[in-house]
Protein backbone atom coordinates (compact mmCIF):
# COMPACT_ATOMS: atom_id res chain seq x y z
CA MET A 1 20.69 -7.60 -5.98
CA ASN A 2 20.64 -5.99 -9.41
CA THR A 3 18.35 -6.97 -12.28
CA THR A 4 19.40 -5.89 -15.77
CA LEU A 5 16.99 -5.31 -18.65
CA ARG A 6 18.38 -4.99 -22.15
CA SER A 7 16.78 -4.07 -25.47
CA SER A 8 18.32 -3.53 -28.88
CA SER A 9 19.20 0.05 -27.94
CA ALA A 10 19.25 0.52 -24.17
CA GLU A 11 20.03 -1.06 -20.81
CA ALA A 12 18.28 -0.49 -17.49
CA VAL A 13 19.44 -1.73 -14.09
CA ILE A 14 17.10 -2.02 -11.10
CA HIS A 15 18.26 -2.73 -7.55
CA SER A 16 16.05 -4.85 -5.30
CA LEU A 17 16.52 -2.38 -2.43
CA GLY A 18 13.65 -0.02 -3.07
CA ALA A 19 13.10 -1.61 -6.51
CA GLU A 20 15.12 1.44 -7.55
CA LEU A 21 16.22 2.26 -11.08
CA VAL A 22 19.97 2.83 -10.69
CA SER A 23 21.08 3.00 -14.34
CA PHE A 24 19.52 3.72 -17.72
CA LYS A 25 21.81 4.18 -20.68
CA LEU A 26 21.96 3.99 -24.46
CA LEU A 27 24.07 1.12 -25.75
CA ALA A 28 25.32 2.90 -28.87
CA THR A 29 26.86 5.83 -26.99
CA GLY A 30 27.17 4.54 -23.43
CA THR A 31 25.51 7.72 -22.21
CA GLU A 32 24.21 7.34 -18.65
CA TYR A 33 21.03 9.27 -17.89
CA ILE A 34 20.47 8.36 -14.21
CA TRP A 35 22.43 10.05 -11.43
CA SER A 36 25.21 7.91 -9.93
CA GLY A 37 24.19 8.23 -6.27
CA ASP A 38 27.46 9.92 -5.27
CA ALA A 39 27.16 10.70 -1.56
CA GLU A 40 28.76 14.12 -2.08
CA PHE A 41 25.34 15.31 -3.24
CA TRP A 42 22.69 12.58 -2.75
CA THR A 43 22.80 8.79 -2.44
CA GLY A 44 19.40 8.29 -4.08
CA ARG A 45 18.87 7.68 -7.78
CA SER A 46 15.21 7.01 -8.45
CA PRO A 47 13.38 6.00 -5.26
CA VAL A 48 9.67 5.23 -4.99
CA LEU A 49 7.85 7.33 -2.39
CA PHE A 50 5.32 5.31 -0.35
CA PRO A 51 3.18 5.50 1.77
CA ILE A 52 3.86 9.24 2.18
CA ILE A 53 5.53 11.96 0.13
CA GLY A 54 7.95 14.34 1.78
CA ALA A 55 7.78 15.01 5.48
CA ALA A 56 5.07 14.20 8.00
CA ARG A 57 4.74 16.91 10.63
CA GLY A 58 6.67 15.82 13.70
CA GLY A 59 7.78 12.69 11.81
CA GLU A 60 4.47 11.04 12.70
CA ILE A 61 1.21 9.94 11.14
CA ARG A 62 -2.04 9.41 13.01
CA THR A 63 -4.55 6.81 11.90
CA GLY A 64 -6.99 4.35 13.43
CA GLY A 65 -6.55 5.84 16.87
CA GLY A 66 -2.78 5.33 16.89
CA THR A 67 0.32 7.45 16.24
CA TYR A 68 3.19 6.05 14.19
CA THR A 69 6.72 7.30 13.53
CA ILE A 70 7.61 7.47 9.84
CA GLY A 71 10.53 8.91 7.89
CA ASN A 72 10.45 11.35 5.00
CA HIS A 73 9.07 9.81 1.80
CA GLY A 74 8.03 6.67 3.68
CA PHE A 75 9.72 3.29 3.95
CA ALA A 76 9.45 1.72 0.49
CA ARG A 77 12.67 3.30 -0.77
CA ARG A 78 14.64 1.58 2.01
CA SER A 79 12.81 -1.75 1.85
CA GLU A 80 13.95 -4.91 0.11
CA PHE A 81 11.55 -5.84 -2.68
CA THR A 82 11.02 -9.38 -3.95
CA LEU A 83 11.69 -10.03 -7.63
CA VAL A 84 8.61 -12.03 -8.67
CA GLU A 85 9.09 -12.09 -12.45
CA ALA A 86 11.94 -11.33 -14.85
CA THR A 87 12.69 -11.61 -18.57
CA ASP A 88 15.25 -9.85 -20.75
CA THR A 89 13.03 -6.78 -21.02
CA GLN A 90 10.63 -6.96 -18.06
CA ALA A 91 10.87 -7.23 -14.27
CA VAL A 92 8.21 -7.20 -11.55
CA PHE A 93 9.04 -6.33 -7.94
CA GLN A 94 6.77 -6.69 -4.90
CA LEU A 95 6.71 -5.22 -1.42
CA SER A 96 4.12 -6.32 1.15
CA GLN A 97 3.48 -5.52 4.78
CA SER A 98 5.87 -6.91 7.36
CA GLY A 99 6.54 -6.43 11.04
CA GLN A 100 8.85 -3.57 10.10
CA THR A 101 6.31 -1.74 7.91
CA LEU A 102 3.44 -2.29 10.34
CA ALA A 103 5.40 -0.45 13.02
CA SER A 104 5.12 2.77 11.01
CA TYR A 105 2.10 2.11 8.78
CA PRO A 106 -0.57 -0.18 10.24
CA TYR A 107 -2.06 -1.52 7.00
CA SER A 108 -1.76 -4.64 4.86
CA PHE A 109 -0.91 -3.99 1.21
CA ASN A 110 0.95 -5.12 -1.87
CA LEU A 111 3.05 -2.61 -3.81
CA PHE A 112 4.14 -3.79 -7.26
CA LEU A 113 6.64 -2.03 -9.53
CA THR A 114 6.77 -3.37 -13.07
CA TYR A 115 9.56 -2.29 -15.41
CA ILE A 116 9.18 -2.85 -19.17
CA LEU A 117 11.98 -1.82 -21.54
CA SER A 118 11.15 -1.28 -25.20
CA GLY A 119 13.88 0.26 -27.33
CA SER A 120 14.98 3.38 -25.47
CA ARG A 121 11.67 3.63 -23.59
CA LEU A 122 11.28 2.36 -20.02
CA GLU A 123 7.78 2.13 -18.55
CA ILE A 124 7.44 1.83 -14.79
CA SER A 125 3.98 0.77 -13.61
CA TYR A 126 2.93 1.15 -9.99
CA ARG A 127 0.13 -0.94 -8.49
CA VAL A 128 -1.06 -0.77 -4.89
CA GLU A 129 -3.42 -3.48 -3.67
CA ASN A 130 -5.42 -3.21 -0.47
CA THR A 131 -5.14 -6.60 1.25
CA ASP A 132 -6.41 -5.25 4.56
CA GLU A 133 -9.91 -5.64 6.05
CA GLN A 134 -10.51 -1.87 5.97
CA ASP A 135 -9.81 1.16 3.80
CA ILE A 136 -6.13 2.05 3.51
CA HIS A 137 -4.73 5.54 2.96
CA PHE A 138 -1.46 6.45 1.22
CA GLN A 139 0.39 8.81 -1.06
CA LEU A 140 2.57 7.61 -3.92
CA GLY A 141 5.35 9.36 -5.78
CA THR A 142 8.39 9.07 -8.01
CA HIS A 143 11.85 10.65 -7.63
CA PRO A 144 14.10 10.00 -10.66
CA ALA A 145 17.34 12.01 -10.81
CA PHE A 146 18.76 12.73 -14.27
CA ASN A 147 22.29 13.78 -15.02
CA CYS A 148 22.39 17.44 -15.99
CA PRO A 149 24.37 18.19 -18.03
CA LEU A 150 23.95 14.94 -19.96
CA ASP A 151 27.22 13.27 -20.90
CA GLY A 152 29.06 16.35 -19.63
CA GLN A 153 27.81 18.45 -22.52
CA GLY A 154 27.46 22.11 -21.59
CA ALA A 155 26.34 23.62 -18.29
CA ILE A 156 23.04 23.47 -16.44
CA THR A 157 22.15 26.90 -17.85
CA ASP A 158 22.12 25.31 -21.32
CA TYR A 159 19.22 23.09 -20.21
CA TYR A 160 15.52 23.62 -19.78
CA LEU A 161 12.35 21.70 -18.99
CA GLU A 162 9.68 21.57 -21.68
CA PHE A 163 6.10 20.97 -20.49
CA SER A 164 3.67 19.40 -22.95
CA GLU A 165 0.98 21.98 -22.07
CA PRO A 166 1.15 25.72 -21.34
CA GLU A 167 1.31 25.90 -17.55
CA GLN A 168 0.24 28.45 -14.97
CA LEU A 169 2.46 27.22 -12.15
CA GLU A 170 2.77 28.62 -8.64
CA ARG A 171 5.47 27.00 -6.54
CA LEU A 172 5.05 26.11 -2.90
CA PHE A 173 8.00 26.38 -0.52
CA LEU A 174 9.25 23.96 2.13
CA ASN A 175 10.74 24.92 5.49
CA ASP A 176 13.86 23.35 7.00
CA ALA A 177 11.77 20.43 8.27
CA GLY A 178 10.47 19.73 4.76
CA LEU A 179 6.95 21.00 5.54
CA VAL A 180 4.93 23.24 3.23
CA ILE A 181 5.11 26.84 4.42
CA SER A 182 1.66 28.33 4.92
CA GLY A 183 0.79 31.30 2.71
CA LYS A 184 4.08 31.38 0.81
CA SER A 185 4.16 30.80 -2.95
CA ALA A 186 5.66 32.33 -6.07
CA PRO A 187 4.81 32.25 -9.79
CA VAL A 188 7.14 30.17 -11.94
CA LEU A 189 5.37 29.80 -15.30
CA ASP A 190 2.73 32.15 -16.71
CA ASN A 191 0.93 30.21 -19.44
CA GLU A 192 4.36 29.01 -20.62
CA GLN A 193 5.90 25.67 -21.55
CA LEU A 194 9.64 26.24 -21.08
CA LEU A 195 11.38 26.47 -17.71
CA PRO A 196 15.09 27.45 -17.98
CA LEU A 197 17.31 25.63 -15.50
CA SER A 198 20.01 27.05 -13.27
CA HIS A 199 21.52 26.26 -9.89
CA GLU A 200 19.91 29.45 -8.57
CA LEU A 201 16.45 28.06 -9.33
CA PHE A 202 16.90 25.56 -6.48
CA LEU A 203 18.52 27.80 -3.86
CA ASP A 204 15.26 27.86 -1.87
CA GLY A 205 14.94 24.10 -2.02
CA ALA A 206 12.53 21.92 -3.94
CA LEU A 207 9.90 23.46 -6.18
CA VAL A 208 6.52 21.93 -5.35
CA PHE A 209 3.53 22.26 -7.69
CA ARG A 210 -0.06 21.10 -7.40
CA ASN A 211 -2.36 20.03 -10.24
CA VAL A 212 0.07 20.16 -13.15
CA LYS A 213 -1.71 19.82 -16.50
CA SER A 214 1.18 18.41 -18.53
CA GLY A 215 1.45 14.65 -18.73
CA THR A 216 4.90 14.94 -20.30
CA ILE A 217 8.00 16.89 -19.25
CA ALA A 218 11.24 16.78 -21.23
CA LEU A 219 14.76 17.68 -20.10
CA LYS A 220 16.46 19.27 -23.12
CA SER A 221 19.58 21.21 -24.03
CA LYS A 222 19.98 24.25 -26.28
CA LEU A 223 23.36 22.90 -27.41
CA ALA A 224 23.02 19.10 -27.68
CA ASP A 225 20.58 16.53 -29.02
CA LYS A 226 20.53 14.31 -25.94
CA SER A 227 17.30 14.52 -23.93
CA VAL A 228 15.08 12.75 -21.41
CA THR A 229 11.29 12.66 -21.71
CA VAL A 230 9.18 11.80 -18.66
CA THR A 231 5.51 10.91 -19.11
CA SER A 232 3.30 10.19 -16.11
CA LYS A 233 -0.24 8.96 -15.52
CA GLY A 234 -1.99 9.21 -12.16
CA PHE A 235 0.47 11.74 -10.72
CA PRO A 236 -1.09 15.23 -10.79
CA ASP A 237 1.46 16.92 -8.52
CA LEU A 238 5.12 17.61 -9.18
CA GLY A 239 8.39 18.19 -7.40
CA LEU A 240 11.56 19.56 -9.00
CA TRP A 241 14.74 19.33 -6.93
CA GLN A 242 18.49 19.63 -6.98
CA PRO A 243 20.90 19.84 -4.02
CA LYS A 244 23.15 22.90 -4.08
CA ASN A 245 25.23 22.91 -7.29
CA ALA A 246 24.60 19.21 -7.95
CA PRO A 247 25.12 17.85 -11.50
CA PHE A 248 21.62 16.41 -11.76
CA VAL A 249 17.97 17.44 -11.61
CA CYS A 250 15.02 15.46 -10.25
CA ILE A 251 11.69 15.43 -12.09
CA GLU A 252 9.22 13.95 -9.60
CA PRO A 253 5.56 13.32 -10.51
CA TRP A 254 3.57 12.74 -7.31
CA GLN A 255 0.12 11.95 -5.97
CA GLY A 256 0.17 14.13 -2.86
CA ILE A 257 2.64 16.48 -1.19
CA ALA A 258 4.29 16.95 2.22
CA ASP A 259 2.34 18.09 5.26
CA GLY A 260 1.81 21.78 5.85
CA GLU A 261 3.65 23.30 8.80
CA ASP A 262 0.33 23.69 10.64
CA PHE A 263 -1.12 20.27 9.71
CA SER A 264 -2.72 18.45 12.62
CA GLY A 265 -5.03 15.97 10.89
CA GLU A 266 -4.93 12.23 10.41
CA LEU A 267 -3.36 10.29 7.56
CA LYS A 268 -6.66 10.29 5.68
CA ASP A 269 -6.64 14.12 5.76
CA LYS A 270 -3.24 14.62 4.09
CA THR A 271 -3.14 16.56 0.82
CA GLY A 272 -3.59 14.29 -2.19
CA ILE A 273 -4.22 11.20 -0.07
CA ILE A 274 -5.47 8.09 -1.87
CA THR A 275 -8.13 6.10 -0.04
CA LEU A 276 -8.40 2.53 -1.30
CA PRO A 277 -11.28 0.26 -0.24
CA GLN A 278 -10.79 -3.33 0.83
CA GLY A 279 -9.78 -5.41 -2.20
CA GLY A 280 -9.19 -2.29 -4.32
CA GLN A 281 -6.28 -1.42 -6.59
CA PHE A 282 -4.58 1.85 -7.51
CA ASN A 283 -2.59 2.09 -10.75
CA SER A 284 -0.26 4.75 -12.10
CA SER A 285 2.79 4.87 -14.33
CA LEU A 286 5.95 6.72 -15.23
CA THR A 287 7.63 6.35 -18.63
CA ILE A 288 11.20 7.51 -19.25
CA GLU A 289 12.42 7.81 -22.84
CA ILE A 290 16.06 8.69 -23.57
CA SER A 291 17.64 9.94 -26.76
């Protein structure tokens, strides 16, 4: 089921499967900023990553004395959310534990995604509530895919990412199983703010960064005025990704990253794990502004 939000200048569409943003466009121009989900490249558009980010080594997590099978990026993106509130410009979606989630993640929780559209600005708030009788452990991430080039204007080499702060960024690499390769990294930015885009940048897969300073990253063109600005709170890590020669780029603020190829710990030991006490809440947000 789709829920449509509309302001004076923009329209956003969210699908109840995964509470996923599937369209965000300006009304005046009709320009679509979110990837279409064409299976030739990738069927996703803007999934939420919960309760893990990326791959778990062996496709399993260990917690509370048990071992549980779990897919890459967790189950939330393939789960049906309940629409609990909706107006013309706001929608709230909820996912809670079920027999299906407990089979791969043995905790009780509520995950809320709240979308608020104001002009051409869409704020997505994430709230995790611990409804269990013990601490719960999880990672949480975003995965929006933006058309690049925008509106078919230019080529990917005309585009760049602009970070709000000068960044000293060292990328981590993933192996074919999606696990972080031990001891392998490469410099990407050296106290710089601009990252030029190209298909070649992604030939070795996703770029994974830890502890990014910038709260805002903008996708811009040297030739056109259209842009996307992504602002995050509570997501210190970052993934950048594009399948081979795809006409989109993903800007993915995260809390946590995939397992290392040698990881043998429990869920609570994963990089960037959030531990939430009984009755506790975790809040973060992602704001997308289009122009």
